[in-house]
C-alpha cells in the first residue's frame, strides 16, 4: 500500500463550466443599498450580500463600502460568511457544501452535476462531506470522447456480516470517496452525485489534482479525530454537551527507498500550509483525509531504507 497525496488544482469560476447547483439566494452587492449590521447582544445577523464568489455579512451599518474592502477596515464592517452555493465545494471548508437536487443536464438522474475544465492532466478526484446514493466521475477528451467512467456507491456495507445485520441494521452511507486512477488526458471532468427525486445531494469538498507517491505504508499507522464539541457544567454539576464538527487526524508511518528520500522531502516541504488530500489505503475511508501536514520527520534508518513519520490534521 502506497501513501499518496493529491496536490490540489484550484477551481474557480473560469474552470467550472457547467453546474446544476441550486441558485444562490443572496442578492449581489449593490453600492446604493444601505445594509444593516449584526447585533451581537441579540444574536441578530447582519444583512447579506454577494461579491464575486463569496457571501458577506454586514457587521455594522454600511452604505457604499464594497464587502471586499470592508473586511479590511478596523474594525471590519463586513465579514466573509461562506462561498456561493455553486463554488462552495471548491473551497477549503468541508462544512460549506454545494447543494443540488434538480434533474441532471446529462444522463438520466437527479442530484448534483458539475463539469470542470482543469486544463491540465489530473490524476485523482476526491470528495468529502458527500450526501447521496452514488458518485460518478467521467473524463471526456475533446478528440476521443469519454476516456474514463467510474461510479461508486455511497452505501456502506462495513460491519454487515450476518443476514440479521443486512436486513435490520440502519443503512449507513460513506461521506468520502476518491477516484485515483484517471488516465492522463487534459479533458473535461463531469461529476454526478445521485439522489432520489425530491431529495438534495451535497458535496462539502471536491479536490482535483495530480498524485505524488510518498512511499509505502507501514504498520503502526494510526487515525483519530479532533473534536470541536464543547462540554460545560453549571454550579450544580449538570452537564451540557454541544455537538461541534470533528476533523480527521492521522499519523502515517511511511517507508521509502534511500534513493527516494530527497524527492519525498522536497514534496512534503512544498506542501507546507497547503490543504491537500492524503491517503494510504483504499480499504479504510478513515485514512482518506483532506487537510495539511502538521509536521514530518525522515529518519535515515539504514543504507537502503529510510522512514518517515507524517502528522496530518484534517479540515472541517
C-alpha atoms as a PDB file:
ATOM      1  CA  UNK A   1       0.000   0.000   0.000  1.00  0.00           C
ATOM      2  CA  UNK A   2       1.416   3.334  -1.089  1.00  0.00           C
ATOM      3  CA  UNK A   3       0.958   6.600   0.798  1.00  0.00           C
ATOM      4  CA  UNK A   4      -0.059   9.256  -1.706  1.00  0.00           C
ATOM      5  CA  UNK A   5      -1.008  12.913  -1.750  1.00  0.00           C
ATOM      6  CA  UNK A   6      -3.175  14.807  -4.230  1.00  0.00           C
ATOM      7  CA  UNK A   7      -1.772  18.243  -4.938  1.00  0.00           C
ATOM      8  CA  UNK A   8      -4.862  20.443  -5.357  1.00  0.00           C
ATOM      9  CA  UNK A   9      -5.577  22.396  -8.535  1.00  0.00           C
ATOM     10  CA  UNK A  10      -7.655  25.468  -7.588  1.00  0.00           C
ATOM     11  CA  UNK A  11     -11.091  25.529  -9.222  1.00  0.00           C
ATOM     12  CA  UNK A  12     -12.516  28.985  -9.837  1.00  0.00           C
ATOM     13  CA  UNK A  13     -15.477  30.186 -11.886  1.00  0.00           C
ATOM     14  CA  UNK A  14     -13.430  30.028 -15.105  1.00  0.00           C
ATOM     15  CA  UNK A  15     -12.820  26.266 -14.637  1.00  0.00           C
ATOM     16  CA  UNK A  16     -16.390  25.460 -13.560  1.00  0.00           C
ATOM     17  CA  UNK A  17     -18.021  25.297 -16.993  1.00  0.00           C
ATOM     18  CA  UNK A  18     -21.390  23.754 -16.036  1.00  0.00           C
ATOM     19  CA  UNK A  19     -23.413  23.133 -12.866  1.00  0.00           C
ATOM     20  CA  UNK A  20     -26.994  22.436 -11.870  1.00  0.00           C
ATOM     21  CA  UNK A  21     -26.412  23.541  -8.272  1.00  0.00           C
ATOM     22  CA  UNK A  22     -29.252  25.493  -6.722  1.00  0.00           C
ATOM     23  CA  UNK A  23     -29.099  29.200  -7.483  1.00  0.00           C
ATOM     24  CA  UNK A  24     -27.665  31.462  -4.774  1.00  0.00           C
ATOM     25  CA  UNK A  25     -30.470  33.026  -2.730  1.00  0.00           C
ATOM     26  CA  UNK A  26     -28.468  36.061  -1.516  1.00  0.00           C
ATOM     27  CA  UNK A  27     -28.506  39.081  -3.854  1.00  0.00           C
ATOM     28  CA  UNK A  28     -25.384  40.679  -5.323  1.00  0.00           C
ATOM     29  CA  UNK A  29     -23.879  43.651  -3.515  1.00  0.00           C
ATOM     30  CA  UNK A  30     -25.427  46.997  -4.516  1.00  0.00           C
ATOM     31  CA  UNK A  31     -23.374  50.114  -3.651  1.00  0.00           C
ATOM     32  CA  UNK A  32     -26.584  52.145  -3.402  1.00  0.00           C
ATOM     33  CA  UNK A  33     -28.200  49.884  -0.809  1.00  0.00           C
ATOM     34  CA  UNK A  34     -27.962  50.500   2.934  1.00  0.00           C
ATOM     35  CA  UNK A  35     -27.026  47.326   4.817  1.00  0.00           C
ATOM     36  CA  UNK A  36     -27.868  46.788   8.483  1.00  0.00           C
ATOM     37  CA  UNK A  37     -25.125  45.338  10.655  1.00  0.00           C
ATOM     38  CA  UNK A  38     -25.270  42.383  13.012  1.00  0.00           C
ATOM     39  CA  UNK A  39     -26.383  42.943  16.623  1.00  0.00           C
ATOM     40  CA  UNK A  40     -24.248  40.830  18.959  1.00  0.00           C
ATOM     41  CA  UNK A  41     -26.395  41.454  22.044  1.00  0.00           C
ATOM     42  CA  UNK A  42     -29.423  39.767  20.466  1.00  0.00           C
ATOM     43  CA  UNK A  43     -27.563  37.443  18.087  1.00  0.00           C
ATOM     44  CA  UNK A  44     -29.297  39.169  15.195  1.00  0.00           C
ATOM     45  CA  UNK A  45     -27.410  38.527  11.934  1.00  0.00           C
ATOM     46  CA  UNK A  46     -26.489  41.356   9.623  1.00  0.00           C
ATOM     47  CA  UNK A  47     -27.673  41.825   6.063  1.00  0.00           C
ATOM     48  CA  UNK A  48     -26.012  39.606   3.473  1.00  0.00           C
ATOM     49  CA  UNK A  49     -24.597  40.413   0.042  1.00  0.00           C
ATOM     50  CA  UNK A  50     -22.648  38.582  -2.656  1.00  0.00           C
ATOM     51  CA  UNK A  51     -19.446  39.892  -4.187  1.00  0.00           C
ATOM     52  CA  UNK A  52     -17.536  37.614  -6.550  1.00  0.00           C
ATOM     53  CA  UNK A  53     -17.822  34.021  -5.291  1.00  0.00           C
ATOM     54  CA  UNK A  54     -18.297  34.969  -1.627  1.00  0.00           C
ATOM     55  CA  UNK A  55     -21.323  35.744   0.556  1.00  0.00           C
ATOM     56  CA  UNK A  56     -20.582  38.504   3.083  1.00  0.00           C
ATOM     57  CA  UNK A  57     -22.394  39.577   6.254  1.00  0.00           C
ATOM     58  CA  UNK A  58     -22.571  43.215   7.333  1.00  0.00           C
ATOM     59  CA  UNK A  59     -21.044  43.696  10.791  1.00  0.00           C
ATOM     60  CA  UNK A  60     -22.047  47.361  11.033  1.00  0.00           C
ATOM     61  CA  UNK A  61     -24.500  49.636   9.265  1.00  0.00           C
ATOM     62  CA  UNK A  62     -22.829  50.371   5.955  1.00  0.00           C
ATOM     63  CA  UNK A  63     -23.525  52.030   2.618  1.00  0.00           C
ATOM     64  CA  UNK A  64     -21.215  52.361  -0.367  1.00  0.00           C
ATOM     65  CA  UNK A  65     -18.393  50.190   1.021  1.00  0.00           C
ATOM     66  CA  UNK A  66     -17.792  47.032  -1.000  1.00  0.00           C
ATOM     67  CA  UNK A  67     -17.506  43.849   1.101  1.00  0.00           C
ATOM     68  CA  UNK A  68     -14.035  43.059  -0.256  1.00  0.00           C
ATOM     69  CA  UNK A  69     -12.898  46.452   1.078  1.00  0.00           C
ATOM     70  CA  UNK A  70     -14.936  46.467   4.289  1.00  0.00           C
ATOM     71  CA  UNK A  71     -13.369  43.247   5.588  1.00  0.00           C
ATOM     72  CA  UNK A  72     -10.077  45.141   5.892  1.00  0.00           C
ATOM     73  CA  UNK A  73     -11.481  48.041   7.940  1.00  0.00           C
ATOM     74  CA  UNK A  74     -10.615  48.279  11.622  1.00  0.00           C
ATOM     75  CA  UNK A  75     -12.999  47.191  12.963  1.00  0.00           C
ATOM     76  CA  UNK A  76     -14.308  45.385   9.858  1.00  0.00           C
ATOM     77  CA  UNK A  77     -17.734  46.404   8.569  1.00  0.00           C
ATOM     78  CA  UNK A  78     -18.117  43.202   6.537  1.00  0.00           C
ATOM     79  CA  UNK A  79     -17.054  39.608   7.133  1.00  0.00           C
ATOM     80  CA  UNK A  80     -16.789  36.708   4.693  1.00  0.00           C
ATOM     81  CA  UNK A  81     -19.524  34.228   5.651  1.00  0.00           C
ATOM     82  CA  UNK A  82     -19.319  31.453   3.025  1.00  0.00           C
ATOM     83  CA  UNK A  83     -18.907  30.736  -0.677  1.00  0.00           C
ATOM     84  CA  UNK A  84     -21.843  30.990  -3.067  1.00  0.00           C
ATOM     85  CA  UNK A  85     -23.595  27.649  -3.486  1.00  0.00           C
ATOM     86  CA  UNK A  86     -22.084  26.666  -6.834  1.00  0.00           C
ATOM     87  CA  UNK A  87     -18.493  27.296  -5.615  1.00  0.00           C
ATOM     88  CA  UNK A  88     -18.778  26.035  -2.016  1.00  0.00           C
ATOM     89  CA  UNK A  89     -17.494  22.554  -2.905  1.00  0.00           C
ATOM     90  CA  UNK A  90     -14.245  24.041  -4.185  1.00  0.00           C
ATOM     91  CA  UNK A  91     -13.162  25.994  -1.103  1.00  0.00           C
ATOM     92  CA  UNK A  92     -11.205  24.722   1.913  1.00  0.00           C
ATOM     93  CA  UNK A  93     -14.222  24.233   4.203  1.00  0.00           C
ATOM     94  CA  UNK A  94     -15.861  20.806   4.140  1.00  0.00           C
ATOM     95  CA  UNK A  95     -18.832  22.075   6.155  1.00  0.00           C
ATOM     96  CA  UNK A  96     -19.570  24.679   3.464  1.00  0.00           C
ATOM     97  CA  UNK A  97     -21.350  22.400   0.982  1.00  0.00           C
ATOM     98  CA  UNK A  98     -22.734  22.793  -2.532  1.00  0.00           C
ATOM     99  CA  UNK A  99     -26.342  21.572  -2.734  1.00  0.00           C
ATOM    100  CA  UNK A 100     -28.386  20.446  -5.730  1.00  0.00           C
ATOM    101  CA  UNK A 101     -31.365  18.216  -6.428  1.00  0.00           C
ATOM    102  CA  UNK A 102     -32.568  19.044  -9.927  1.00  0.00           C
ATOM    103  CA  UNK A 103     -32.581  16.740 -12.949  1.00  0.00           C
ATOM    104  CA  UNK A 104     -29.132  16.243 -14.464  1.00  0.00           C
ATOM    105  CA  UNK A 105     -28.427  18.091 -17.730  1.00  0.00           C
ATOM    106  CA  UNK A 106     -26.544  14.980 -18.962  1.00  0.00           C
ATOM    107  CA  UNK A 107     -27.700  11.365 -18.383  1.00  0.00           C
ATOM    108  CA  UNK A 108     -30.843  10.424 -16.512  1.00  0.00           C
ATOM    109  CA  UNK A 109     -30.937  11.181 -12.827  1.00  0.00           C
ATOM    110  CA  UNK A 110     -31.383  13.728 -10.075  1.00  0.00           C
ATOM    111  CA  UNK A 111     -28.941  15.396  -7.734  1.00  0.00           C
ATOM    112  CA  UNK A 112     -25.821  17.449  -8.309  1.00  0.00           C
ATOM    113  CA  UNK A 113     -23.921  17.502 -11.606  1.00  0.00           C
ATOM    114  CA  UNK A 114     -20.958  19.725 -12.436  1.00  0.00           C
ATOM    115  CA  UNK A 115     -18.363  19.906 -15.203  1.00  0.00           C
ATOM    116  CA  UNK A 116     -14.808  21.154 -14.660  1.00  0.00           C
ATOM    117  CA  UNK A 117     -12.114  22.007 -17.184  1.00  0.00           C
ATOM    118  CA  UNK A 118      -8.809  21.979 -15.242  1.00  0.00           C
ATOM    119  CA  UNK A 119      -6.810  22.489 -18.476  1.00  0.00           C
ATOM    120  CA  UNK A 120      -4.176  20.001 -17.371  1.00  0.00           C
ATOM    121  CA  UNK A 121      -3.751  16.338 -16.542  1.00  0.00           C
ATOM    122  CA  UNK A 122      -5.494  15.287 -13.328  1.00  0.00           C
ATOM    123  CA  UNK A 123      -4.675  12.003 -11.591  1.00  0.00           C
ATOM    124  CA  UNK A 124      -7.372  11.993  -8.916  1.00  0.00           C
ATOM    125  CA  UNK A 125     -10.725  13.435  -7.889  1.00  0.00           C
ATOM    126  CA  UNK A 126     -11.538  13.294  -4.166  1.00  0.00           C
ATOM    127  CA  UNK A 127     -14.784  14.086  -2.353  1.00  0.00           C
ATOM    128  CA  UNK A 128     -15.572  14.924   1.267  1.00  0.00           C
ATOM    129  CA  UNK A 129     -18.844  15.654   3.026  1.00  0.00           C
ATOM    130  CA  UNK A 130     -20.913  13.785   0.445  1.00  0.00           C
ATOM    131  CA  UNK A 131     -24.639  13.175   0.806  1.00  0.00           C
ATOM    132  CA  UNK A 132     -26.183  10.995  -1.855  1.00  0.00           C
ATOM    133  CA  UNK A 133     -26.625   7.468  -3.169  1.00  0.00           C
ATOM    134  CA  UNK A 134     -23.773   7.260  -5.684  1.00  0.00           C
ATOM    135  CA  UNK A 135     -20.988   9.446  -7.065  1.00  0.00           C
ATOM    136  CA  UNK A 136     -19.802   9.153 -10.671  1.00  0.00           C
ATOM    137  CA  UNK A 137     -16.751  10.641 -12.356  1.00  0.00           C
ATOM    138  CA  UNK A 138     -16.280  10.896 -16.124  1.00  0.00           C
ATOM    139  CA  UNK A 139     -13.323  12.260 -18.082  1.00  0.00           C
ATOM    140  CA  UNK A 140     -14.161  13.496 -21.563  1.00  0.00           C
ATOM    141  CA  UNK A 141     -11.457  14.190 -24.117  1.00  0.00           C
ATOM    142  CA  UNK A 142     -12.232  16.580 -26.984  1.00  0.00           C
ATOM    143  CA  UNK A 143     -10.911  14.140 -29.597  1.00  0.00           C
ATOM    144  CA  UNK A 144     -11.600  10.684 -28.115  1.00  0.00           C
ATOM    145  CA  UNK A 145     -14.792  11.313 -26.156  1.00  0.00           C
ATOM    146  CA  UNK A 146     -15.318   9.569 -22.794  1.00  0.00           C
ATOM    147  CA  UNK A 147     -11.990   8.010 -21.747  1.00  0.00           C
ATOM    148  CA  UNK A 148     -12.901   7.326 -18.101  1.00  0.00           C
ATOM    149  CA  UNK A 149     -16.226   6.495 -16.456  1.00  0.00           C
ATOM    150  CA  UNK A 150     -16.419   5.153 -12.900  1.00  0.00           C
ATOM    151  CA  UNK A 151     -19.183   5.119 -10.301  1.00  0.00           C
ATOM    152  CA  UNK A 152     -19.075   4.312  -6.580  1.00  0.00           C
ATOM    153  CA  UNK A 153     -21.931   3.566  -4.230  1.00  0.00           C
ATOM    154  CA  UNK A 154     -22.055   5.615  -1.045  1.00  0.00           C
ATOM    155  CA  UNK A 155     -23.975   2.899   0.786  1.00  0.00           C
ATOM    156  CA  UNK A 156     -21.600   1.412   3.344  1.00  0.00           C
ATOM    157  CA  UNK A 157     -21.521  -2.333   3.985  1.00  0.00           C
ATOM    158  CA  UNK A 158     -18.904  -2.127   6.747  1.00  0.00           C
ATOM    159  CA  UNK A 159     -19.834  -4.447   9.599  1.00  0.00           C
ATOM    160  CA  UNK A 160     -22.629  -6.186   7.666  1.00  0.00           C
ATOM    161  CA  UNK A 161     -21.555  -9.774   8.331  1.00  0.00           C
ATOM    162  CA  UNK A 162     -24.868 -11.508   9.072  1.00  0.00           C
ATOM    163  CA  UNK A 163     -28.336 -11.781   7.488  1.00  0.00           C
ATOM    164  CA  UNK A 164     -29.809 -10.010  10.516  1.00  0.00           C
ATOM    165  CA  UNK A 165     -27.441  -7.058  10.065  1.00  0.00           C
ATOM    166  CA  UNK A 166     -28.241  -6.912   6.342  1.00  0.00           C
ATOM    167  CA  UNK A 167     -31.979  -6.649   6.932  1.00  0.00           C
ATOM    168  CA  UNK A 168     -32.228  -4.731  10.206  1.00  0.00           C
ATOM    169  CA  UNK A 169     -29.153  -2.569  10.818  1.00  0.00           C
ATOM    170  CA  UNK A 170     -29.645   1.110   9.896  1.00  0.00           C
ATOM    171  CA  UNK A 171     -28.277   1.997   6.469  1.00  0.00           C
ATOM    172  CA  UNK A 172     -25.053   3.958   6.715  1.00  0.00           C
ATOM    173  CA  UNK A 173     -23.532   5.985   3.914  1.00  0.00           C
ATOM    174  CA  UNK A 174     -19.953   6.931   3.206  1.00  0.00           C
ATOM    175  CA  UNK A 175     -19.270  10.653   3.115  1.00  0.00           C
ATOM    176  CA  UNK A 176     -15.831  10.492   1.484  1.00  0.00           C
ATOM    177  CA  UNK A 177     -14.618   8.941  -1.776  1.00  0.00           C
ATOM    178  CA  UNK A 178     -11.636   9.120  -4.101  1.00  0.00           C
ATOM    179  CA  UNK A 179     -11.081   8.200  -7.750  1.00  0.00           C
ATOM    180  CA  UNK A 180      -7.305   7.885  -8.112  1.00  0.00           C
ATOM    181  CA  UNK A 181      -6.942   6.125 -11.459  1.00  0.00           C
ATOM    182  CA  UNK A 182      -7.834   8.772 -14.029  1.00  0.00           C
ATOM    183  CA  UNK A 183      -5.924   8.428 -17.316  1.00  0.00           C
ATOM    184  CA  UNK A 184      -3.562  11.162 -18.497  1.00  0.00           C
ATOM    185  CA  UNK A 185      -5.952  13.335 -20.519  1.00  0.00           C
ATOM    186  CA  UNK A 186      -6.406  17.085 -20.051  1.00  0.00           C
ATOM    187  CA  UNK A 187     -10.137  16.877 -20.676  1.00  0.00           C
ATOM    188  CA  UNK A 188     -13.415  17.855 -19.046  1.00  0.00           C
ATOM    189  CA  UNK A 189     -14.313  16.192 -15.739  1.00  0.00           C
ATOM    190  CA  UNK A 190     -18.016  15.538 -15.215  1.00  0.00           C
ATOM    191  CA  UNK A 191     -19.142  14.769 -11.652  1.00  0.00           C
ATOM    192  CA  UNK A 192     -22.607  13.366 -10.901  1.00  0.00           C
ATOM    193  CA  UNK A 193     -23.895  12.810  -7.345  1.00  0.00           C
ATOM    194  CA  UNK A 194     -27.182  10.907  -7.440  1.00  0.00           C
ATOM    195  CA  UNK A 195     -30.183  11.111  -5.115  1.00  0.00           C
ATOM    196  CA  UNK A 196     -33.839  10.158  -5.422  1.00  0.00           C
ATOM    197  CA  UNK A 197     -36.160  12.705  -6.988  1.00  0.00           C
ATOM    198  CA  UNK A 198     -37.145  15.347  -4.438  1.00  0.00           C
ATOM    199  CA  UNK A 199     -34.010  14.908  -2.306  1.00  0.00           C
ATOM    200  CA  UNK A 200     -30.885  17.081  -2.170  1.00  0.00           C
ATOM    201  CA  UNK A 201     -27.336  15.955  -2.949  1.00  0.00           C
ATOM    202  CA  UNK A 202     -24.455  17.644  -1.148  1.00  0.00           C
ATOM    203  CA  UNK A 203     -20.724  17.896  -1.653  1.00  0.00           C
ATOM    204  CA  UNK A 204     -18.647  19.542   1.062  1.00  0.00           C
ATOM    205  CA  UNK A 205     -15.357  19.478  -0.834  1.00  0.00           C
ATOM    206  CA  UNK A 206     -14.189  18.334  -4.252  1.00  0.00           C
ATOM    207  CA  UNK A 207     -10.429  18.269  -4.806  1.00  0.00           C
ATOM    208  CA  UNK A 208      -8.752  17.559  -8.138  1.00  0.00           C
ATOM    209  CA  UNK A 209      -5.070  17.335  -8.883  1.00  0.00           C
ATOM    210  CA  UNK A 210      -2.018  15.240  -9.741  1.00  0.00           C
ATOM    211  CA  UNK A 211      -0.836  12.461  -7.426  1.00  0.00           C
ATOM    212  CA  UNK A 212       2.553  12.246  -5.716  1.00  0.00           C
ATOM    213  CA  UNK A 213       3.730   8.948  -4.204  1.00  0.00           C
ATOM    214  CA  UNK A 214       5.323   9.309  -0.774  1.00  0.00           C
ATOM    215  CA  UNK A 215       6.448   5.757  -0.069  1.00  0.00           C
ATOM    216  CA  UNK A 216       4.840   2.594   1.294  1.00  0.00           C
ATOM    217  CA  UNK A 217       2.524   2.451   4.291  1.00  0.00           C
ATOM    218  CA  UNK A 218       3.941   0.690   7.332  1.00  0.00           C
ATOM    219  CA  UNK A 219       2.259  -0.877  10.360  1.00  0.00           C
ATOM    220  CA  UNK A 220       1.514   1.231  13.444  1.00  0.00           C
ATOM    221  CA  UNK A 221      -0.103   3.908  11.288  1.00  0.00           C
ATOM    222  CA  UNK A 222      -2.965   5.420  13.301  1.00  0.00           C
ATOM    223  CA  UNK A 223      -6.057   7.557  12.703  1.00  0.00           C
ATOM    224  CA  UNK A 224      -8.232   9.608  15.028  1.00  0.00           C
ATOM    225  CA  UNK A 225     -10.157  12.830  15.228  1.00  0.00           C
ATOM    226  CA  UNK A 226     -10.012  16.314  16.675  1.00  0.00           C
ATOM    227  CA  UNK A 227     -13.335  17.275  18.246  1.00  0.00           C
ATOM    228  CA  UNK A 228     -14.676  20.824  18.331  1.00  0.00           C
ATOM    229  CA  UNK A 229     -17.643  19.910  20.519  1.00  0.00           C
ATOM    230  CA  UNK A 230     -17.894  21.640  23.891  1.00  0.00           C
ATOM    231  CA  UNK A 231     -18.775  20.434  27.371  1.00  0.00           C
ATOM    232  CA  UNK A 232     -19.915  22.819  30.122  1.00  0.00           C
ATOM    233  CA  UNK A 233     -21.062  22.221  33.703  1.00  0.00           C
ATOM    234  CA  UNK A 234     -23.065  24.577  35.862  1.00  0.00           C
ATOM    235  CA  UNK A 235     -22.553  25.039  39.630  1.00  0.00           C
ATOM    236  CA  UNK A 236     -24.813  22.049  40.323  1.00  0.00           C
ATOM    237  CA  UNK A 237     -22.722  19.750  38.164  1.00  0.00           C
ATOM    238  CA  UNK A 238     -25.247  19.441  35.387  1.00  0.00           C
ATOM    239  CA  UNK A 239     -23.533  18.822  32.068  1.00  0.00           C
ATOM    240  CA  UNK A 240     -24.407  20.405  28.750  1.00  0.00           C
ATOM    241  CA  UNK A 241     -22.956  18.825  25.617  1.00  0.00           C
ATOM    242  CA  UNK A 242     -22.890  20.902  22.453  1.00  0.00           C
ATOM    243  CA  UNK A 243     -22.078  18.915  19.318  1.00  0.00           C
ATOM    244  CA  UNK A 244     -19.488  20.512  17.061  1.00  0.00           C
ATOM    245  CA  UNK A 245     -17.647  19.373  13.946  1.00  0.00           C
ATOM    246  CA  UNK A 246     -14.764  16.928  14.029  1.00  0.00           C
ATOM    247  CA  UNK A 247     -11.579  16.851  11.971  1.00  0.00           C
ATOM    248  CA  UNK A 248      -9.828  13.666  10.916  1.00  0.00           C
ATOM    249  CA  UNK A 249      -6.253  13.164  12.085  1.00  0.00           C
ATOM    250  CA  UNK A 250      -3.645  10.571  11.165  1.00  0.00           C
ATOM    251  CA  UNK A 251      -0.077   9.569  11.843  1.00  0.00           C
ATOM    252  CA  UNK A 252       1.282   7.855   8.749  1.00  0.00           C
ATOM    253  CA  UNK A 253       4.364   5.694   9.162  1.00  0.00           C
ATOM    254  CA  UNK A 254       5.993   5.665   5.750  1.00  0.00           C
ATOM    255  CA  UNK A 255       8.886   3.644   4.397  1.00  0.00           C
ATOM    256  CA  UNK A 256      10.891   4.714   1.364  1.00  0.00           C
ATOM    257  CA  UNK A 257      13.928   3.722  -0.622  1.00  0.00           C
ATOM    258  CA  UNK A 258      17.083   5.697   0.149  1.00  0.00           C
ATOM    259  CA  UNK A 259      17.138   6.960  -3.428  1.00  0.00           C
ATOM    260  CA  UNK A 260      13.632   8.478  -2.992  1.00  0.00           C
ATOM    261  CA  UNK A 261      14.331  10.265   0.296  1.00  0.00           C
ATOM    262  CA  UNK A 262      15.285  13.700  -1.048  1.00  0.00           C
ATOM    263  CA  UNK A 263      12.440  13.737  -3.581  1.00  0.00           C
ATOM    264  CA  UNK A 264       9.888  12.965  -0.885  1.00  0.00           C
ATOM    265  CA  UNK A 265      11.400  15.570   1.441  1.00  0.00           C
ATOM    266  CA  UNK A 266      11.017  18.240  -1.265  1.00  0.00           C
ATOM    267  CA  UNK A 267       7.457  17.132  -1.986  1.00  0.00           C
ATOM    268  CA  UNK A 268       6.413  17.342   1.660  1.00  0.00           C
ATOM    269  CA  UNK A 269       8.194  20.645   2.194  1.00  0.00           C
ATOM    270  CA  UNK A 270       6.433  22.175  -0.823  1.00  0.00           C
ATOM    271  CA  UNK A 271       3.042  21.288   0.701  1.00  0.00           C
ATOM    272  CA  UNK A 272       3.601  23.280   3.890  1.00  0.00           C
ATOM    273  CA  UNK A 273       0.398  25.193   4.786  1.00  0.00           C
ATOM    274  CA  UNK A 274      -1.352  23.712   1.743  1.00  0.00           C
ATOM    275  CA  UNK A 275      -4.640  21.832   2.074  1.00  0.00           C
ATOM    276  CA  UNK A 276      -4.176  18.549   0.200  1.00  0.00           C
ATOM    277  CA  UNK A 277      -5.683  15.081   0.048  1.00  0.00           C
ATOM    278  CA  UNK A 278      -3.699  12.385   1.891  1.00  0.00           C
ATOM    279  CA  UNK A 279      -4.433   8.673   1.672  1.00  0.00           C
ATOM    280  CA  UNK A 280      -2.643   5.447   2.396  1.00  0.00           C
ATOM    281  CA  UNK A 281      -5.152   2.720   1.615  1.00  0.00           C
ATOM    282  CA  UNK A 282      -8.476   2.437  -0.200  1.00  0.00           C
ATOM    283  CA  UNK A 283      -9.596  -0.074   2.432  1.00  0.00           C
ATOM    284  CA  UNK A 284     -10.108   2.491   5.190  1.00  0.00           C
ATOM    285  CA  UNK A 285     -12.003   5.705   4.433  1.00  0.00           C
ATOM    286  CA  UNK A 286     -10.844   6.984   7.828  1.00  0.00           C
ATOM    287  CA  UNK A 287      -7.342   7.206   6.331  1.00  0.00           C
ATOM    288  CA  UNK A 288      -8.572   9.453   3.488  1.00  0.00           C
ATOM    289  CA  UNK A 289      -8.022  12.993   4.760  1.00  0.00           C
ATOM    290  CA  UNK A 290      -8.394  16.472   3.292  1.00  0.00           C
ATOM    291  CA  UNK A 291      -6.054  18.536   5.401  1.00  0.00           C
ATOM    292  CA  UNK A 292      -2.496  19.662   5.961  1.00  0.00           C
ATOM    293  CA  UNK A 293       0.778  18.281   7.219  1.00  0.00           C
ATOM    294  CA  UNK A 294       1.472  19.434  10.767  1.00  0.00           C
ATOM    295  CA  UNK A 295       4.997  18.048  10.675  1.00  0.00           C
ATOM    296  CA  UNK A 296       7.137  15.320   9.202  1.00  0.00           C
ATOM    297  CA  UNK A 297      10.439  13.718  10.078  1.00  0.00           C
ATOM    298  CA  UNK A 298      12.538  11.461   7.850  1.00  0.00           C
ATOM    299  CA  UNK A 299      14.855   9.035   9.630  1.00  0.00           C
ATOM    300  CA  UNK A 300      17.831   7.535   7.788  1.00  0.00           C
ATOM    301  CA  UNK A 301      17.191   4.047   9.161  1.00  0.00           C
ATOM    302  CA  UNK A 302      19.871   2.237   7.200  1.00  0.00           C
ATOM    303  CA  UNK A 303      21.792   2.329   3.948  1.00  0.00           C
ATOM    304  CA  UNK A 304      18.889   1.290   1.710  1.00  0.00           C
ATOM    305  CA  UNK A 305      15.720   2.182   3.628  1.00  0.00           C
ATOM    306  CA  UNK A 306      14.533   5.431   5.194  1.00  0.00           C
ATOM    307  CA  UNK A 307      11.419   6.009   7.281  1.00  0.00           C
ATOM    308  CA  UNK A 308       9.130   8.998   7.757  1.00  0.00           C
ATOM    309  CA  UNK A 309       6.541   9.907  10.374  1.00  0.00           C
ATOM    310  CA  UNK A 310       3.887  12.168   8.867  1.00  0.00           C
ATOM    311  CA  UNK A 311       1.352  14.004  11.050  1.00  0.00           C
ATOM    312  CA  UNK A 312      -1.837  15.047   9.235  1.00  0.00           C
ATOM    313  CA  UNK A 313      -4.689  17.205  10.531  1.00  0.00           C
ATOM    314  CA  UNK A 314      -7.932  17.414   8.570  1.00  0.00           C
ATOM    315  CA  UNK A 315     -10.150  20.360   7.766  1.00  0.00           C
ATOM    316  CA  UNK A 316     -13.751  20.757   8.878  1.00  0.00           C
END
